[in-house]
Amino acid sequence: MKHNESPFKAMALTSSIVSQLAGGPLAGVFLGKWVDERFSTEPIFLIIGLFLGLGAGTYGTIHLVRTYTGDD
């Protein structure tokens, strides 16, 4: 990041990274719990949802940072 850029860009990037890393697993867990309750298969889909959410959050973060730095 250049020194003459606004600090608000850095804050926006940081908050985007945090929301993706936290939101992906949370969405996966809640969706997995919902599916488990519907089909009485606890905790299979909760675990699957957690791993899918972790993967989606990590992939989204990597894509965001690559786009921001111009490596995409």
C-alpha atoms as a PDB file:
ATOM      1  CA  MET A   1       0.000   0.000   0.000  1.00  0.00           C
ATOM      2  CA  LYS A   2       1.284   3.440  -0.857  1.00  0.00           C
ATOM      3  CA  HIS A   3       1.852   6.018   1.863  1.00  0.00           C
ATOM      4  CA  ASN A   4      -0.376   8.612   0.194  1.00  0.00           C
ATOM      5  CA  GLU A   5      -3.467   6.361   0.155  1.00  0.00           C
ATOM      6  CA  SER A   6      -6.277   6.925   2.587  1.00  0.00           C
ATOM      7  CA  PRO A   7      -6.182   4.881   5.797  1.00  0.00           C
ATOM      8  CA  PHE A   8      -9.846   4.147   5.184  1.00  0.00           C
ATOM      9  CA  LYS A   9      -8.878   1.803   2.331  1.00  0.00           C
ATOM     10  CA  ALA A  10      -6.753  -0.219   4.748  1.00  0.00           C
ATOM     11  CA  MET A  11      -9.592  -0.281   7.273  1.00  0.00           C
ATOM     12  CA  ALA A  12     -12.044  -1.412   4.580  1.00  0.00           C
ATOM     13  CA  LEU A  13      -9.710  -4.192   3.436  1.00  0.00           C
ATOM     14  CA  THR A  14      -9.147  -5.334   7.014  1.00  0.00           C
ATOM     15  CA  SER A  15     -12.848  -5.405   7.808  1.00  0.00           C
ATOM     16  CA  SER A  16     -13.550  -7.305   4.575  1.00  0.00           C
ATOM     17  CA  ILE A  17     -10.953  -9.925   5.460  1.00  0.00           C
ATOM     18  CA  VAL A  18     -12.296 -10.327   8.999  1.00  0.00           C
ATOM     19  CA  SER A  19     -15.893 -10.594   7.818  1.00  0.00           C
ATOM     20  CA  GLN A  20     -15.008 -13.263   5.258  1.00  0.00           C
ATOM     21  CA  LEU A  21     -12.903 -15.290   7.671  1.00  0.00           C
ATOM     22  CA  ALA A  22     -15.606 -15.140  10.347  1.00  0.00           C
ATOM     23  CA  GLY A  23     -18.718 -15.144   8.170  1.00  0.00           C
ATOM     24  CA  GLY A  24     -17.898 -18.195   6.076  1.00  0.00           C
ATOM     25  CA  PRO A  25     -17.563 -20.631   8.964  1.00  0.00           C
ATOM     26  CA  LEU A  26     -20.514 -19.100  10.813  1.00  0.00           C
ATOM     27  CA  ALA A  27     -22.769 -19.457   7.793  1.00  0.00           C
ATOM     28  CA  GLY A  28     -21.555 -23.022   7.287  1.00  0.00           C
ATOM     29  CA  VAL A  29     -22.222 -23.952  10.906  1.00  0.00           C
ATOM     30  CA  PHE A  30     -25.719 -22.463  10.935  1.00  0.00           C
ATOM     31  CA  LEU A  31     -26.615 -24.063   7.620  1.00  0.00           C
ATOM     32  CA  GLY A  32     -25.207 -27.401   8.779  1.00  0.00           C
ATOM     33  CA  LYS A  33     -27.175 -27.241  12.030  1.00  0.00           C
ATOM     34  CA  TRP A  34     -30.344 -26.465  10.107  1.00  0.00           C
ATOM     35  CA  VAL A  35     -29.838 -29.439   7.772  1.00  0.00           C
ATOM     36  CA  ASP A  36     -29.018 -31.685  10.743  1.00  0.00           C
ATOM     37  CA  GLU A  37     -32.243 -30.670  12.486  1.00  0.00           C
ATOM     38  CA  ARG A  38     -34.288 -31.287   9.328  1.00  0.00           C
ATOM     39  CA  PHE A  39     -32.903 -34.795   8.739  1.00  0.00           C
ATOM     40  CA  SER A  40     -31.902 -35.801  12.323  1.00  0.00           C
ATOM     41  CA  THR A  41     -28.292 -36.431  11.319  1.00  0.00           C
ATOM     42  CA  GLU A  42     -26.480 -34.473  14.017  1.00  0.00           C
ATOM     43  CA  PRO A  43     -23.475 -33.561  13.837  1.00  0.00           C
ATOM     44  CA  ILE A  44     -22.576 -34.717  10.305  1.00  0.00           C
ATOM     45  CA  PHE A  45     -23.724 -31.662   8.350  1.00  0.00           C
ATOM     46  CA  LEU A  46     -22.542 -29.268  11.036  1.00  0.00           C
ATOM     47  CA  ILE A  47     -18.994 -30.554  10.549  1.00  0.00           C
ATOM     48  CA  ILE A  48     -19.336 -30.526   6.761  1.00  0.00           C
ATOM     49  CA  GLY A  49     -20.730 -26.983   6.885  1.00  0.00           C
ATOM     50  CA  LEU A  50     -17.887 -25.850   9.119  1.00  0.00           C
ATOM     51  CA  PHE A  51     -15.243 -27.165   6.723  1.00  0.00           C
ATOM     52  CA  LEU A  52     -17.025 -25.774   3.666  1.00  0.00           C
ATOM     53  CA  GLY A  53     -17.347 -22.408   5.393  1.00  0.00           C
ATOM     54  CA  LEU A  54     -13.673 -22.388   6.325  1.00  0.00           C
ATOM     55  CA  GLY A  55     -12.752 -23.196   2.746  1.00  0.00           C
ATOM     56  CA  ALA A  56     -15.064 -20.562   1.302  1.00  0.00           C
ATOM     57  CA  GLY A  57     -13.821 -17.896   3.727  1.00  0.00           C
ATOM     58  CA  THR A  58     -10.194 -18.707   3.013  1.00  0.00           C
ATOM     59  CA  TYR A  59     -10.732 -18.765  -0.750  1.00  0.00           C
ATOM     60  CA  GLY A  60     -12.635 -15.478  -0.639  1.00  0.00           C
ATOM     61  CA  THR A  61      -9.921 -13.839   1.434  1.00  0.00           C
ATOM     62  CA  ILE A  62      -7.160 -15.012  -0.885  1.00  0.00           C
ATOM     63  CA  HIS A  63      -9.101 -13.801  -3.915  1.00  0.00           C
ATOM     64  CA  LEU A  64      -9.785 -10.433  -2.286  1.00  0.00           C
ATOM     65  CA  VAL A  65      -6.154  -9.854  -1.338  1.00  0.00           C
ATOM     66  CA  ARG A  66      -4.915 -10.921  -4.772  1.00  0.00           C
ATOM     67  CA  THR A  67      -7.367  -8.559  -6.432  1.00  0.00           C
ATOM     68  CA  TYR A  68      -6.367  -5.722  -4.122  1.00  0.00           C
ATOM     69  CA  THR A  69      -2.635  -6.226  -4.667  1.00  0.00           C
ATOM     70  CA  GLY A  70      -2.983  -6.755  -8.411  1.00  0.00           C
ATOM     71  CA  ASP A  71      -1.732 -10.364  -8.464  1.00  0.00           C
ATOM     72  CA  ASP A  72      -4.999 -11.736  -9.893  1.00  0.00           C
END
